[in-house]
Amino acid sequence: MKKVLFVCVENSCRSQIAQGYARQLGKGMIEAYSAGSRPSGEINPMAIKVMQEAGIDLSVYKSKGFNELPVKKFDYAVTLGCQDTCPLVPAKNHIQWQIDDPKGKDLDFFRFVRQEIKKKVEDLISKISAGKELGKEEDNDE
């Protein structure tokens, strides 16, 4: 199984949503993890709510930093809009997704971000299952 790490600043919204979808949609194919460069220590309640609507329970997840990860090397490290604040994580492939941070926005914006992340996770899983190697700095927006 491929090890995939999703990274955002606080590890409270975007990377948690991506991890939730990757664990559900990539079951048996990928091991999904998430972390933040400055973890907030909690999952955003709006992220929990919109993912409950999608049948995924984020309330059991924890906002964490890189030192708390049980794995230290990944096949893919996917950053979700944190640019320079995301440190370089040991991974064979680095992918950048430009996804707006929904923190402080309304429920509809959280739903929009959830759907955007779901599409990207589905695309990533499809490429991994097809055996396609993603580029070192690919945006994954084909």
Protein backbone atom coordinates (compact mmCIF):
# COMPACT_ATOMS: atom_id res chain seq x y z
CA MET A 1 0.00 0.00 0.00
CA LYS A 2 1.11 3.53 -0.78
CA LYS A 3 1.60 5.90 2.14
CA VAL A 4 0.05 9.33 1.56
CA LEU A 5 0.40 12.36 3.83
CA PHE A 6 -1.95 15.34 3.52
CA VAL A 7 -0.55 18.59 4.91
CA CYS A 8 -2.06 21.97 5.75
CA VAL A 9 -1.17 24.60 8.34
CA GLU A 10 -3.42 23.77 11.31
CA ASN A 11 -4.37 20.18 10.44
CA SER A 12 -7.92 21.09 11.40
CA CYS A 13 -9.85 21.33 8.09
CA ARG A 14 -8.40 20.61 4.63
CA SER A 15 -5.86 17.90 5.44
CA GLN A 16 -8.34 16.20 7.78
CA ILE A 17 -11.03 16.17 5.06
CA ALA A 18 -8.52 14.75 2.58
CA GLN A 19 -7.41 12.08 5.04
CA GLY A 20 -11.03 11.13 5.72
CA TYR A 21 -11.82 10.71 2.04
CA ALA A 22 -8.56 8.90 1.30
CA ARG A 23 -9.18 6.40 4.07
CA GLN A 24 -12.71 5.74 2.85
CA LEU A 25 -12.15 5.79 -0.93
CA GLY A 26 -8.64 4.30 -0.98
CA LYS A 27 -9.24 1.50 1.50
CA GLY A 28 -6.91 -1.41 0.80
CA MET A 29 -4.82 0.68 -1.60
CA ILE A 30 -3.39 3.56 0.42
CA GLU A 31 -2.55 4.41 4.02
CA ALA A 32 -3.66 7.99 4.61
CA TYR A 33 -2.23 10.35 7.22
CA SER A 34 -2.45 14.08 7.89
CA ALA A 35 -0.42 16.67 9.78
CA GLY A 36 0.03 20.40 10.10
CA SER A 37 2.96 22.78 10.26
CA ARG A 38 1.26 24.60 13.17
CA PRO A 39 -1.43 22.18 14.39
CA SER A 40 -4.39 23.79 16.16
CA GLY A 41 -4.90 20.82 18.45
CA GLU A 42 -8.53 20.32 17.38
CA ILE A 43 -10.59 19.50 14.33
CA ASN A 44 -12.73 22.41 13.14
CA PRO A 45 -16.39 21.71 14.09
CA MET A 46 -17.56 22.82 10.62
CA ALA A 47 -15.19 20.28 8.99
CA ILE A 48 -16.62 17.59 11.27
CA LYS A 49 -20.17 18.64 10.32
CA VAL A 50 -19.68 18.63 6.52
CA MET A 51 -17.88 15.31 6.63
CA GLN A 52 -20.65 13.79 8.77
CA GLU A 53 -22.96 14.80 5.92
CA ALA A 54 -20.72 12.71 3.65
CA GLY A 55 -20.79 9.75 6.03
CA ILE A 56 -17.27 10.21 7.43
CA ASP A 57 -16.64 10.84 11.12
CA LEU A 58 -13.73 13.24 11.66
CA SER A 59 -14.51 13.61 15.36
CA VAL A 60 -12.32 10.56 16.03
CA TYR A 61 -9.31 12.23 14.37
CA LYS A 62 -6.72 14.42 16.09
CA SER A 63 -5.00 17.60 14.89
CA LYS A 64 -1.27 16.85 15.00
CA GLY A 65 2.19 17.89 13.92
CA PHE A 66 4.75 15.92 11.96
CA ASN A 67 6.52 14.57 15.05
CA GLU A 68 3.33 12.78 16.11
CA LEU A 69 3.04 10.74 12.90
CA PRO A 70 3.66 7.00 13.26
CA VAL A 71 5.27 6.96 9.78
CA LYS A 72 8.21 9.16 8.77
CA LYS A 73 8.59 8.41 5.02
CA PHE A 74 5.79 8.64 2.49
CA ASP A 75 5.17 7.77 -1.14
CA TYR A 76 3.20 11.01 -1.59
CA ALA A 77 3.09 14.24 0.39
CA VAL A 78 0.16 16.42 -0.67
CA THR A 79 0.05 20.03 0.51
CA LEU A 80 -3.32 21.75 0.48
CA GLY A 81 -2.60 25.44 0.01
CA CYS A 82 -0.06 26.08 2.73
CA GLN A 83 2.80 26.99 0.35
CA ASP A 84 5.88 28.18 2.24
CA THR A 85 4.54 27.30 5.68
CA CYS A 86 4.57 23.58 4.86
CA PRO A 87 7.98 22.05 5.55
CA LEU A 88 9.46 19.55 3.16
CA VAL A 89 8.32 16.10 4.23
CA PRO A 90 10.32 13.02 3.24
CA ALA A 91 8.33 11.62 0.32
CA LYS A 92 9.03 10.15 -3.11
CA ASN A 93 6.54 12.58 -4.68
CA HIS A 94 5.37 16.04 -3.63
CA ILE A 95 2.03 17.33 -4.89
CA GLN A 96 0.56 20.78 -4.33
CA TRP A 97 -3.17 21.36 -4.35
CA GLN A 98 -4.27 25.00 -4.19
CA ILE A 99 -7.32 24.77 -1.94
CA ASP A 100 -8.66 27.77 -0.04
CA ASP A 101 -8.74 27.49 3.73
CA PRO A 102 -12.40 27.33 4.82
CA LYS A 103 -11.62 28.40 8.41
CA GLY A 104 -13.89 31.27 9.40
CA LYS A 105 -16.14 30.82 6.36
CA ASP A 106 -19.77 29.68 6.20
CA LEU A 107 -21.10 26.14 5.91
CA ASP A 108 -21.62 26.40 2.13
CA PHE A 109 -17.95 27.28 1.65
CA PHE A 110 -16.95 24.27 3.77
CA ARG A 111 -19.16 22.11 1.53
CA PHE A 112 -17.52 23.58 -1.58
CA VAL A 113 -14.04 22.83 -0.20
CA ARG A 114 -15.16 19.32 0.81
CA GLN A 115 -16.27 18.58 -2.76
CA GLU A 116 -13.10 20.08 -4.25
CA ILE A 117 -10.96 17.89 -1.99
CA LYS A 118 -13.06 14.80 -2.72
CA LYS A 119 -12.54 15.21 -6.47
CA LYS A 120 -8.78 15.59 -6.02
CA VAL A 121 -8.56 12.59 -3.70
CA GLU A 122 -10.56 10.48 -6.19
CA ASP A 123 -8.20 11.57 -8.97
CA LEU A 124 -5.13 10.79 -6.87
CA ILE A 125 -6.45 7.33 -5.97
CA SER A 126 -7.30 6.67 -9.63
CA LYS A 127 -3.76 7.55 -10.71
CA ILE A 128 -2.20 5.47 -7.95
CA SER A 129 -4.39 2.46 -8.81
CA ALA A 130 -3.47 2.82 -12.49
CA GLY A 131 0.20 2.73 -11.52
CA LYS A 132 0.84 6.27 -12.75
CA GLU A 133 3.72 7.99 -11.00
CA LEU A 134 2.89 11.57 -10.22
CA GLY A 135 5.54 14.22 -10.76
CA LYS A 136 7.78 15.61 -8.06
CA GLU A 137 5.95 18.97 -7.95
CA GLU A 138 2.73 18.21 -9.79
CA ASP A 139 -0.49 20.13 -9.07
CA ASN A 140 -2.65 17.09 -9.97
CA ASP A 141 -5.11 19.24 -11.93
CA GLU A 142 -5.44 17.33 -15.18
